[in-house]
Amino acid sequence: MKNASNLIIVGFAIYIIMSGIDKFVYSIPNTIYIPVGILSVVFVCMGSFKRKRKNKKN
């Protein structure tokens, strides 16, 4: 269960940090912003699917 939680936390952290930098510090180009945003969504989805799969086994 801990790996699933870590993936979700990392996914949200990447997205929040990237959004904060884009909004307040420096405008991130779309060629970087979009792939990193997709990667963070993938981490969150992987974590939630792992959590659901482990709950079904128990």
N, C-alpha and C. Protein backbone atom coordinates (compact mmCIF):
# COMPACT_ATOMS: atom_id res chain seq x y z
N MET A 1 0.83 -1.19 0.00
CA MET A 1 0.00 0.00 0.00
C MET A 1 0.87 1.25 0.00
N LYS A 2 2.06 1.16 0.56
CA LYS A 2 2.90 2.34 0.67
C LYS A 2 3.37 2.81 -0.71
N ASN A 3 3.68 1.90 -1.64
CA ASN A 3 4.09 2.30 -2.98
C ASN A 3 2.99 3.06 -3.70
N ALA A 4 1.76 2.63 -3.53
CA ALA A 4 0.64 3.31 -4.17
C ALA A 4 0.50 4.73 -3.63
N SER A 5 0.63 4.88 -2.33
CA SER A 5 0.52 6.21 -1.73
C SER A 5 1.67 7.11 -2.19
N ASN A 6 2.86 6.55 -2.31
CA ASN A 6 4.01 7.34 -2.77
C ASN A 6 3.81 7.82 -4.20
N LEU A 7 3.28 6.98 -5.06
CA LEU A 7 3.05 7.39 -6.44
C LEU A 7 2.04 8.52 -6.53
N ILE A 8 0.98 8.44 -5.74
CA ILE A 8 -0.03 9.50 -5.73
C ILE A 8 0.56 10.80 -5.22
N ILE A 9 1.33 10.72 -4.14
CA ILE A 9 1.94 11.93 -3.57
C ILE A 9 2.92 12.55 -4.55
N VAL A 10 3.74 11.74 -5.20
CA VAL A 10 4.71 12.26 -6.17
C VAL A 10 4.00 12.90 -7.35
N GLY A 11 2.93 12.28 -7.83
CA GLY A 11 2.18 12.84 -8.95
C GLY A 11 1.59 14.20 -8.62
N PHE A 12 0.96 14.31 -7.44
CA PHE A 12 0.39 15.58 -7.04
C PHE A 12 1.48 16.63 -6.80
N ALA A 13 2.59 16.21 -6.19
CA ALA A 13 3.67 17.15 -5.89
C ALA A 13 4.27 17.72 -7.18
N ILE A 14 4.49 16.87 -8.17
CA ILE A 14 5.03 17.35 -9.44
C ILE A 14 4.10 18.38 -10.06
N TYR A 15 2.82 18.08 -10.05
CA TYR A 15 1.86 18.99 -10.68
C TYR A 15 1.75 20.31 -9.92
N ILE A 16 1.71 20.26 -8.59
CA ILE A 16 1.59 21.48 -7.79
C ILE A 16 2.84 22.35 -7.92
N ILE A 17 4.00 21.74 -7.85
CA ILE A 17 5.25 22.51 -7.99
C ILE A 17 5.36 23.13 -9.37
N MET A 18 5.04 22.35 -10.38
CA MET A 18 5.13 22.87 -11.75
C MET A 18 4.13 24.00 -11.97
N SER A 19 2.93 23.86 -11.44
CA SER A 19 1.93 24.91 -11.59
C SER A 19 2.34 26.18 -10.85
N GLY A 20 2.91 26.02 -9.65
CA GLY A 20 3.37 27.18 -8.89
C GLY A 20 4.50 27.92 -9.59
N ILE A 21 5.44 27.17 -10.14
CA ILE A 21 6.54 27.79 -10.87
C ILE A 21 6.01 28.52 -12.10
N ASP A 22 5.08 27.89 -12.81
CA ASP A 22 4.53 28.49 -14.02
C ASP A 22 3.75 29.77 -13.71
N LYS A 23 3.05 29.76 -12.61
CA LYS A 23 2.19 30.90 -12.28
C LYS A 23 2.96 32.06 -11.65
N PHE A 24 3.92 31.78 -10.78
CA PHE A 24 4.53 32.83 -9.98
C PHE A 24 6.00 33.13 -10.32
N VAL A 25 6.74 32.18 -10.84
CA VAL A 25 8.18 32.38 -11.02
C VAL A 25 8.55 32.58 -12.48
N TYR A 26 8.28 31.58 -13.30
CA TYR A 26 8.71 31.60 -14.69
C TYR A 26 7.69 30.87 -15.53
N SER A 27 7.39 31.41 -16.69
CA SER A 27 6.43 30.77 -17.58
C SER A 27 7.08 29.58 -18.27
N ILE A 28 6.58 28.39 -17.96
CA ILE A 28 7.13 27.16 -18.52
C ILE A 28 6.54 26.97 -19.92
N PRO A 29 7.40 26.68 -20.91
CA PRO A 29 6.87 26.45 -22.27
C PRO A 29 5.99 25.20 -22.33
N ASN A 30 5.04 25.21 -23.25
CA ASN A 30 4.11 24.09 -23.39
C ASN A 30 4.80 22.79 -23.76
N THR A 31 5.94 22.86 -24.45
CA THR A 31 6.65 21.64 -24.83
C THR A 31 7.19 20.90 -23.62
N ILE A 32 7.36 21.59 -22.50
CA ILE A 32 7.79 20.96 -21.26
C ILE A 32 6.59 20.71 -20.35
N TYR A 33 5.69 21.66 -20.27
CA TYR A 33 4.57 21.62 -19.34
C TYR A 33 3.62 20.44 -19.62
N ILE A 34 3.29 20.23 -20.86
CA ILE A 34 2.31 19.18 -21.21
C ILE A 34 2.84 17.77 -20.91
N PRO A 35 4.06 17.40 -21.35
CA PRO A 35 4.53 16.04 -21.01
C PRO A 35 4.69 15.80 -19.51
N VAL A 36 5.18 16.80 -18.78
CA VAL A 36 5.33 16.64 -17.34
C VAL A 36 3.96 16.55 -16.67
N GLY A 37 2.99 17.30 -17.14
CA GLY A 37 1.63 17.21 -16.62
C GLY A 37 1.02 15.84 -16.86
N ILE A 38 1.24 15.31 -18.05
CA ILE A 38 0.75 13.97 -18.37
C ILE A 38 1.43 12.93 -17.48
N LEU A 39 2.73 13.09 -17.26
CA LEU A 39 3.47 12.17 -16.39
C LEU A 39 2.92 12.19 -14.97
N SER A 40 2.59 13.36 -14.46
CA SER A 40 2.05 13.44 -13.11
C SER A 40 0.66 12.78 -13.03
N VAL A 41 -0.15 12.93 -14.06
CA VAL A 41 -1.46 12.28 -14.09
C VAL A 41 -1.28 10.76 -14.15
N VAL A 42 -0.30 10.29 -14.89
CA VAL A 42 -0.03 8.85 -14.97
C VAL A 42 0.38 8.31 -13.60
N PHE A 43 1.22 9.06 -12.87
CA PHE A 43 1.61 8.62 -11.52
C PHE A 43 0.40 8.50 -10.61
N VAL A 44 -0.48 9.48 -10.64
CA VAL A 44 -1.66 9.44 -9.79
C VAL A 44 -2.55 8.26 -10.17
N CYS A 45 -2.75 8.04 -11.46
CA CYS A 45 -3.58 6.91 -11.91
C CYS A 45 -2.96 5.57 -11.53
N MET A 46 -1.65 5.44 -11.70
CA MET A 46 -0.98 4.19 -11.33
C MET A 46 -1.13 3.92 -9.84
N GLY A 47 -0.97 4.95 -9.03
CA GLY A 47 -1.12 4.77 -7.59
C GLY A 47 -2.52 4.37 -7.20
N SER A 48 -3.52 4.97 -7.83
CA SER A 48 -4.89 4.62 -7.47
C SER A 48 -5.25 3.21 -7.95
N PHE A 49 -4.75 2.81 -9.11
CA PHE A 49 -5.03 1.45 -9.59
C PHE A 49 -4.32 0.41 -8.74
N LYS A 50 -3.10 0.71 -8.29
CA LYS A 50 -2.40 -0.22 -7.41
C LYS A 50 -3.14 -0.38 -6.09
N ARG A 51 -3.65 0.75 -5.59
CA ARG A 51 -4.39 0.70 -4.32
C ARG A 51 -5.65 -0.14 -4.47
N LYS A 52 -6.38 0.01 -5.58
CA LYS A 52 -7.60 -0.77 -5.80
C LYS A 52 -7.28 -2.24 -5.95
N ARG A 53 -6.20 -2.57 -6.65
CA ARG A 53 -5.84 -3.97 -6.87
C ARG A 53 -5.46 -4.63 -5.54
N LYS A 54 -4.71 -3.92 -4.69
CA LYS A 54 -4.32 -4.51 -3.39
C LYS A 54 -5.53 -4.70 -2.48
N ASN A 55 -6.51 -3.79 -2.57
CA ASN A 55 -7.72 -3.93 -1.76
C ASN A 55 -8.55 -5.13 -2.20
N LYS A 56 -8.55 -5.44 -3.50
CA LYS A 56 -9.31 -6.60 -3.98
C LYS A 56 -8.67 -7.92 -3.53
N LYS A 57 -7.33 -7.96 -3.43
CA LYS A 57 -6.65 -9.19 -3.02
C LYS A 57 -6.92 -9.51 -1.57
N ASN A 58 -7.10 -8.50 -0.74
CA ASN A 58 -7.30 -8.73 0.71
C ASN A 58 -8.70 -9.06 0.99
